[in-house]
Amino acid sequence: MPVFTIVEEASGALVGVADESGETCCRWYADVDEVQSALVLTQHLNPDLPLSLGVTPLGTAFALTSGW
């Protein structure tokens, strides 16, 4: 199953976004509409950093979070 995240356009590096408590974290989204909304907000907050959507297999995202 693919999950989506926000990445730097040039490098593909993950971009942290604020969670519900305001903490910055890396997030993966199962819902395309939700990640597109997050991309618009994150791009607005970082106007000088070109961003895009990244796609990651769910298992890889899980492994990157150390089993979180």
PDB file of N, CA and C in Angstrom:
ATOM      1  N   MET A   1       0.846  -1.169   0.000  1.00  0.00           N
ATOM      2  CA  MET A   1       0.000   0.000   0.000  1.00  0.00           C
ATOM      3  C   MET A   1       0.899   1.242   0.000  1.00  0.00           C
ATOM      4  N   PRO A   2       0.685   2.169  -0.915  1.00  0.00           N
ATOM      5  CA  PRO A   2       1.491   3.390  -0.919  1.00  0.00           C
ATOM      6  C   PRO A   2       0.986   4.385   0.118  1.00  0.00           C
ATOM      7  N   VAL A   3       1.925   5.104   0.716  1.00  0.00           N
ATOM      8  CA  VAL A   3       1.595   6.233   1.578  1.00  0.00           C
ATOM      9  C   VAL A   3       2.362   7.436   1.048  1.00  0.00           C
ATOM     10  N   PHE A   4       1.914   8.605   1.391  1.00  0.00           N
ATOM     11  CA  PHE A   4       2.430   9.829   0.802  1.00  0.00           C
ATOM     12  C   PHE A   4       3.038  10.724   1.868  1.00  0.00           C
ATOM     13  N   THR A   5       4.031  11.500   1.482  1.00  0.00           N
ATOM     14  CA  THR A   5       4.691  12.418   2.392  1.00  0.00           C
ATOM     15  C   THR A   5       5.107  13.666   1.621  1.00  0.00           C
ATOM     16  N   ILE A   6       5.525  14.677   2.345  1.00  0.00           N
ATOM     17  CA  ILE A   6       6.000  15.922   1.737  1.00  0.00           C
ATOM     18  C   ILE A   6       7.516  15.876   1.707  1.00  0.00           C
ATOM     19  N   VAL A   7       8.087  16.177   0.547  1.00  0.00           N
ATOM     20  CA  VAL A   7       9.535  16.118   0.377  1.00  0.00           C
ATOM     21  C   VAL A   7      10.040  17.400  -0.285  1.00  0.00           C
ATOM     22  N   GLU A   8      11.336  17.650  -0.099  1.00  0.00           N
ATOM     23  CA  GLU A   8      11.988  18.735  -0.835  1.00  0.00           C
ATOM     24  C   GLU A   8      12.064  18.306  -2.286  1.00  0.00           C
ATOM     25  N   GLU A   9      11.670  19.190  -3.170  1.00  0.00           N
ATOM     26  CA  GLU A   9      11.619  18.855  -4.583  1.00  0.00           C
ATOM     27  C   GLU A   9      12.987  18.473  -5.139  1.00  0.00           C
ATOM     28  N   ALA A  10      14.023  19.219  -4.788  1.00  0.00           N
ATOM     29  CA  ALA A  10      15.344  18.988  -5.372  1.00  0.00           C
ATOM     30  C   ALA A  10      16.010  17.717  -4.854  1.00  0.00           C
ATOM     31  N   SER A  11      15.950  17.488  -3.552  1.00  0.00           N
ATOM     32  CA  SER A  11      16.695  16.383  -2.959  1.00  0.00           C
ATOM     33  C   SER A  11      15.850  15.154  -2.640  1.00  0.00           C
ATOM     34  N   GLY A  12      14.549  15.337  -2.525  1.00  0.00           N
ATOM     35  CA  GLY A  12      13.686  14.239  -2.117  1.00  0.00           C
ATOM     36  C   GLY A  12      13.695  13.987  -0.619  1.00  0.00           C
ATOM     37  N   ALA A  13      14.373  14.868   0.139  1.00  0.00           N
ATOM     38  CA  ALA A  13      14.438  14.714   1.597  1.00  0.00           C
ATOM     39  C   ALA A  13      13.064  14.957   2.225  1.00  0.00           C
ATOM     40  N   LEU A  14      12.773  14.175   3.257  1.00  0.00           N
ATOM     41  CA  LEU A  14      11.510  14.356   3.972  1.00  0.00           C
ATOM     42  C   LEU A  14      11.459  15.726   4.616  1.00  0.00           C
ATOM     43  N   VAL A  15      10.284  16.307   4.645  1.00  0.00           N
ATOM     44  CA  VAL A  15      10.069  17.624   5.248  1.00  0.00           C
ATOM     45  C   VAL A  15       9.163  17.448   6.455  1.00  0.00           C
ATOM     46  N   GLY A  16       9.576  17.961   7.585  1.00  0.00           N
ATOM     47  CA  GLY A  16       8.763  17.886   8.790  1.00  0.00           C
ATOM     48  C   GLY A  16       7.572  18.826   8.715  1.00  0.00           C
ATOM     49  N   VAL A  17       6.475  18.383   9.282  1.00  0.00           N
ATOM     50  CA  VAL A  17       5.266  19.204   9.373  1.00  0.00           C
ATOM     51  C   VAL A  17       4.812  19.209  10.825  1.00  0.00           C
ATOM     52  N   ALA A  18       4.069  20.214  11.200  1.00  0.00           N
ATOM     53  CA  ALA A  18       3.584  20.325  12.577  1.00  0.00           C
ATOM     54  C   ALA A  18       2.464  19.323  12.822  1.00  0.00           C
ATOM     55  N   ASP A  19       2.532  18.660  13.988  1.00  0.00           N
ATOM     56  CA  ASP A  19       1.437  17.778  14.371  1.00  0.00           C
ATOM     57  C   ASP A  19       0.397  18.580  15.150  1.00  0.00           C
ATOM     58  N   GLU A  20      -0.566  17.907  15.733  1.00  0.00           N
ATOM     59  CA  GLU A  20      -1.667  18.574  16.424  1.00  0.00           C
ATOM     60  C   GLU A  20      -1.194  19.415  17.612  1.00  0.00           C
ATOM     61  N   SER A  21      -0.055  19.047  18.213  1.00  0.00           N
ATOM     62  CA  SER A  21       0.451  19.795  19.367  1.00  0.00           C
ATOM     63  C   SER A  21       1.479  20.857  18.974  1.00  0.00           C
ATOM     64  N   GLY A  22       1.742  20.984  17.662  1.00  0.00           N
ATOM     65  CA  GLY A  22       2.700  21.973  17.199  1.00  0.00           C
ATOM     66  C   GLY A  22       4.122  21.454  17.065  1.00  0.00           C
ATOM     67  N   GLU A  23       4.363  20.195  17.437  1.00  0.00           N
ATOM     68  CA  GLU A  23       5.681  19.576  17.302  1.00  0.00           C
ATOM     69  C   GLU A  23       5.935  19.249  15.826  1.00  0.00           C
ATOM     70  N   THR A  24       7.163  19.447  15.385  1.00  0.00           N
ATOM     71  CA  THR A  24       7.516  19.103  14.013  1.00  0.00           C
ATOM     72  C   THR A  24       7.856  17.625  13.929  1.00  0.00           C
ATOM     73  N   CYS A  25       7.276  16.945  12.952  1.00  0.00           N
ATOM     74  CA  CYS A  25       7.533  15.518  12.777  1.00  0.00           C
ATOM     75  C   CYS A  25       7.380  15.163  11.301  1.00  0.00           C
ATOM     76  N   CYS A  26       7.882  14.007  10.928  1.00  0.00           N
ATOM     77  CA  CYS A  26       7.663  13.493   9.574  1.00  0.00           C
ATOM     78  C   CYS A  26       6.368  12.697   9.598  1.00  0.00           C
ATOM     79  N   ARG A  27       5.531  12.962   8.617  1.00  0.00           N
ATOM     80  CA  ARG A  27       4.241  12.286   8.576  1.00  0.00           C
ATOM     81  C   ARG A  27       4.063  11.611   7.234  1.00  0.00           C
ATOM     82  N   TRP A  28       3.391  10.489   7.259  1.00  0.00           N
ATOM     83  CA  TRP A  28       2.956   9.824   6.038  1.00  0.00           C
ATOM     84  C   TRP A  28       1.440   9.803   6.065  1.00  0.00           C
ATOM     85  N   TYR A  29       0.856   9.926   4.893  1.00  0.00           N
ATOM     86  CA  TYR A  29      -0.596  10.011   4.756  1.00  0.00           C
ATOM     87  C   TYR A  29      -1.088   8.905   3.837  1.00  0.00           C
ATOM     88  N   ALA A  30      -2.184   8.282   4.205  1.00  0.00           N
ATOM     89  CA  ALA A  30      -2.821   7.293   3.340  1.00  0.00           C
ATOM     90  C   ALA A  30      -3.798   7.976   2.389  1.00  0.00           C
ATOM     91  N   ASP A  31      -4.291   9.141   2.777  1.00  0.00           N
ATOM     92  CA  ASP A  31      -5.293   9.873   2.004  1.00  0.00           C
ATOM     93  C   ASP A  31      -4.626  10.945   1.145  1.00  0.00           C
ATOM     94  N   VAL A  32      -4.789  10.838  -0.167  1.00  0.00           N
ATOM     95  CA  VAL A  32      -4.160  11.780  -1.099  1.00  0.00           C
ATOM     96  C   VAL A  32      -4.679  13.194  -0.874  1.00  0.00           C
ATOM     97  N   ASP A  33      -5.969  13.353  -0.631  1.00  0.00           N
ATOM     98  CA  ASP A  33      -6.522  14.693  -0.411  1.00  0.00           C
ATOM     99  C   ASP A  33      -5.923  15.342   0.830  1.00  0.00           C
ATOM    100  N   GLU A  34      -5.724  14.554   1.872  1.00  0.00           N
ATOM    101  CA  GLU A  34      -5.156  15.086   3.107  1.00  0.00           C
ATOM    102  C   GLU A  34      -3.713  15.545   2.902  1.00  0.00           C
ATOM    103  N   VAL A  35      -2.909  14.752   2.192  1.00  0.00           N
ATOM    104  CA  VAL A  35      -1.518  15.148   1.970  1.00  0.00           C
ATOM    105  C   VAL A  35      -1.431  16.341   1.021  1.00  0.00           C
ATOM    106  N   GLN A  36      -2.332  16.445   0.079  1.00  0.00           N
ATOM    107  CA  GLN A  36      -2.315  17.610  -0.800  1.00  0.00           C
ATOM    108  C   GLN A  36      -2.643  18.885  -0.026  1.00  0.00           C
ATOM    109  N   SER A  37      -3.563  18.801   0.925  1.00  0.00           N
ATOM    110  CA  SER A  37      -3.862  19.950   1.778  1.00  0.00           C
ATOM    111  C   SER A  37      -2.662  20.302   2.651  1.00  0.00           C
ATOM    112  N   ALA A  38      -2.001  19.287   3.188  1.00  0.00           N
ATOM    113  CA  ALA A  38      -0.804  19.515   4.009  1.00  0.00           C
ATOM    114  C   ALA A  38       0.313  20.122   3.172  1.00  0.00           C
ATOM    115  N   LEU A  39       0.436  19.697   1.914  1.00  0.00           N
ATOM    116  CA  LEU A  39       1.454  20.256   1.023  1.00  0.00           C
ATOM    117  C   LEU A  39       1.208  21.739   0.792  1.00  0.00           C
ATOM    118  N   VAL A  40      -0.024  22.125   0.542  1.00  0.00           N
ATOM    119  CA  VAL A  40      -0.347  23.542   0.324  1.00  0.00           C
ATOM    120  C   VAL A  40       0.017  24.362   1.554  1.00  0.00           C
ATOM    121  N   LEU A  41      -0.343  23.887   2.735  1.00  0.00           N
ATOM    122  CA  LEU A  41      -0.035  24.604   3.973  1.00  0.00           C
ATOM    123  C   LEU A  41       1.468  24.668   4.213  1.00  0.00           C
ATOM    124  N   THR A  42       2.157  23.555   4.038  1.00  0.00           N
ATOM    125  CA  THR A  42       3.599  23.515   4.280  1.00  0.00           C
ATOM    126  C   THR A  42       4.339  24.392   3.283  1.00  0.00           C
ATOM    127  N   GLN A  43       3.886  24.410   2.035  1.00  0.00           N
ATOM    128  CA  GLN A  43       4.523  25.268   1.034  1.00  0.00           C
ATOM    129  C   GLN A  43       4.304  26.734   1.381  1.00  0.00           C
ATOM    130  N   HIS A  44       3.121  27.055   1.900  1.00  0.00           N
ATOM    131  CA  HIS A  44       2.828  28.429   2.320  1.00  0.00           C
ATOM    132  C   HIS A  44       3.755  28.860   3.463  1.00  0.00           C
ATOM    133  N   LEU A  45       4.049  27.930   4.375  1.00  0.00           N
ATOM    134  CA  LEU A  45       4.916  28.231   5.510  1.00  0.00           C
ATOM    135  C   LEU A  45       6.394  28.248   5.137  1.00  0.00           C
ATOM    136  N   ASN A  46       6.738  27.675   3.979  1.00  0.00           N
ATOM    137  CA  ASN A  46       8.125  27.587   3.512  1.00  0.00           C
ATOM    138  C   ASN A  46       8.202  28.037   2.057  1.00  0.00           C
ATOM    139  N   PRO A  47       7.910  29.303   1.781  1.00  0.00           N
ATOM    140  CA  PRO A  47       7.790  29.751   0.385  1.00  0.00           C
ATOM    141  C   PRO A  47       9.074  29.660  -0.425  1.00  0.00           C
ATOM    142  N   ASP A  48      10.231  29.643   0.224  1.00  0.00           N
ATOM    143  CA  ASP A  48      11.497  29.587  -0.508  1.00  0.00           C
ATOM    144  C   ASP A  48      12.005  28.169  -0.730  1.00  0.00           C
ATOM    145  N   LEU A  49      11.260  27.174  -0.286  1.00  0.00           N
ATOM    146  CA  LEU A  49      11.682  25.780  -0.409  1.00  0.00           C
ATOM    147  C   LEU A  49      10.693  25.034  -1.312  1.00  0.00           C
ATOM    148  N   PRO A  50      11.083  24.738  -2.553  1.00  0.00           N
ATOM    149  CA  PRO A  50      10.170  24.000  -3.441  1.00  0.00           C
ATOM    150  C   PRO A  50       9.875  22.606  -2.875  1.00  0.00           C
ATOM    151  N   LEU A  51       8.606  22.287  -2.733  1.00  0.00           N
ATOM    152  CA  LEU A  51       8.166  21.024  -2.153  1.00  0.00           C
ATOM    153  C   LEU A  51       7.334  20.239  -3.158  1.00  0.00           C
ATOM    154  N   SER A  52       7.261  18.950  -2.939  1.00  0.00           N
ATOM    155  CA  SER A  52       6.399  18.092  -3.753  1.00  0.00           C
ATOM    156  C   SER A  52       5.961  16.902  -2.900  1.00  0.00           C
ATOM    157  N   LEU A  53       5.136  16.057  -3.500  1.00  0.00           N
ATOM    158  CA  LEU A  53       4.677  14.862  -2.806  1.00  0.00           C
ATOM    159  C   LEU A  53       5.615  13.705  -3.107  1.00  0.00           C
ATOM    160  N   GLY A  54       5.889  12.911  -2.089  1.00  0.00           N
ATOM    161  CA  GLY A  54       6.667  11.692  -2.255  1.00  0.00           C
ATOM    162  C   GLY A  54       5.777  10.496  -1.961  1.00  0.00           C
ATOM    163  N   VAL A  55       6.098   9.379  -2.574  1.00  0.00           N
ATOM    164  CA  VAL A  55       5.348   8.139  -2.368  1.00  0.00           C
ATOM    165  C   VAL A  55       6.306   7.108  -1.774  1.00  0.00           C
ATOM    166  N   THR A  56       5.853   6.431  -0.737  1.00  0.00           N
ATOM    167  CA  THR A  56       6.667   5.440  -0.035  1.00  0.00           C
ATOM    168  C   THR A  56       5.813   4.203   0.220  1.00  0.00           C
ATOM    169  N   PRO A  57       6.344   3.013   0.032  1.00  0.00           N
ATOM    170  CA  PRO A  57       5.587   1.822   0.442  1.00  0.00           C
ATOM    171  C   PRO A  57       5.350   1.860   1.953  1.00  0.00           C
ATOM    172  N   LEU A  58       4.203   1.405   2.377  1.00  0.00           N
ATOM    173  CA  LEU A  58       3.842   1.447   3.794  1.00  0.00           C
ATOM    174  C   LEU A  58       4.889   0.758   4.669  1.00  0.00           C
ATOM    175  N   GLY A  59       5.401  -0.375   4.245  1.00  0.00           N
ATOM    176  CA  GLY A  59       6.404  -1.093   5.033  1.00  0.00           C
ATOM    177  C   GLY A  59       7.670  -0.282   5.221  1.00  0.00           C
ATOM    178  N   THR A  60       8.079   0.441   4.186  1.00  0.00           N
ATOM    179  CA  THR A  60       9.270   1.282   4.283  1.00  0.00           C
ATOM    180  C   THR A  60       9.028   2.443   5.242  1.00  0.00           C
ATOM    181  N   ALA A  61       7.863   3.073   5.138  1.00  0.00           N
ATOM    182  CA  ALA A  61       7.527   4.170   6.053  1.00  0.00           C
ATOM    183  C   ALA A  61       7.536   3.664   7.493  1.00  0.00           C
ATOM    184  N   PHE A  62       6.985   2.481   7.715  1.00  0.00           N
ATOM    185  CA  PHE A  62       6.964   1.899   9.052  1.00  0.00           C
ATOM    186  C   PHE A  62       8.396   1.658   9.550  1.00  0.00           C
ATOM    187  N   ALA A  63       9.246   1.130   8.682  1.00  0.00           N
ATOM    188  CA  ALA A  63      10.642   0.874   9.058  1.00  0.00           C
ATOM    189  C   ALA A  63      11.385   2.171   9.355  1.00  0.00           C
ATOM    190  N   LEU A  64      11.128   3.224   8.589  1.00  0.00           N
ATOM    191  CA  LEU A  64      11.785   4.509   8.802  1.00  0.00           C
ATOM    192  C   LEU A  64      11.418   5.123  10.143  1.00  0.00           C
ATOM    193  N   THR A  65      10.280   4.770  10.664  1.00  0.00           N
ATOM    194  CA  THR A  65       9.859   5.286  11.970  1.00  0.00           C
ATOM    195  C   THR A  65      10.311   4.373  13.104  1.00  0.00           C
ATOM    196  N   SER A  66      11.137   3.405  12.787  1.00  0.00           N
ATOM    197  CA  SER A  66      11.633   2.425  13.770  1.00  0.00           C
ATOM    198  C   SER A  66      10.488   1.660  14.437  1.00  0.00           C
ATOM    199  N   GLY A  67       9.479   1.351  13.647  1.00  0.00           N
ATOM    200  CA  GLY A  67       8.372   0.561  14.170  1.00  0.00           C
ATOM    201  C   GLY A  67       7.375   1.343  14.993  1.00  0.00           C
ATOM    202  N   TRP A  68       7.398   2.663  14.861  1.00  0.00           N
ATOM    203  CA  TRP A  68       6.523   3.525  15.625  1.00  0.00           C
ATOM    204  C   TRP A  68       5.114   3.075  15.466  1.00  0.00           C
TER     205      TRP A  68
END
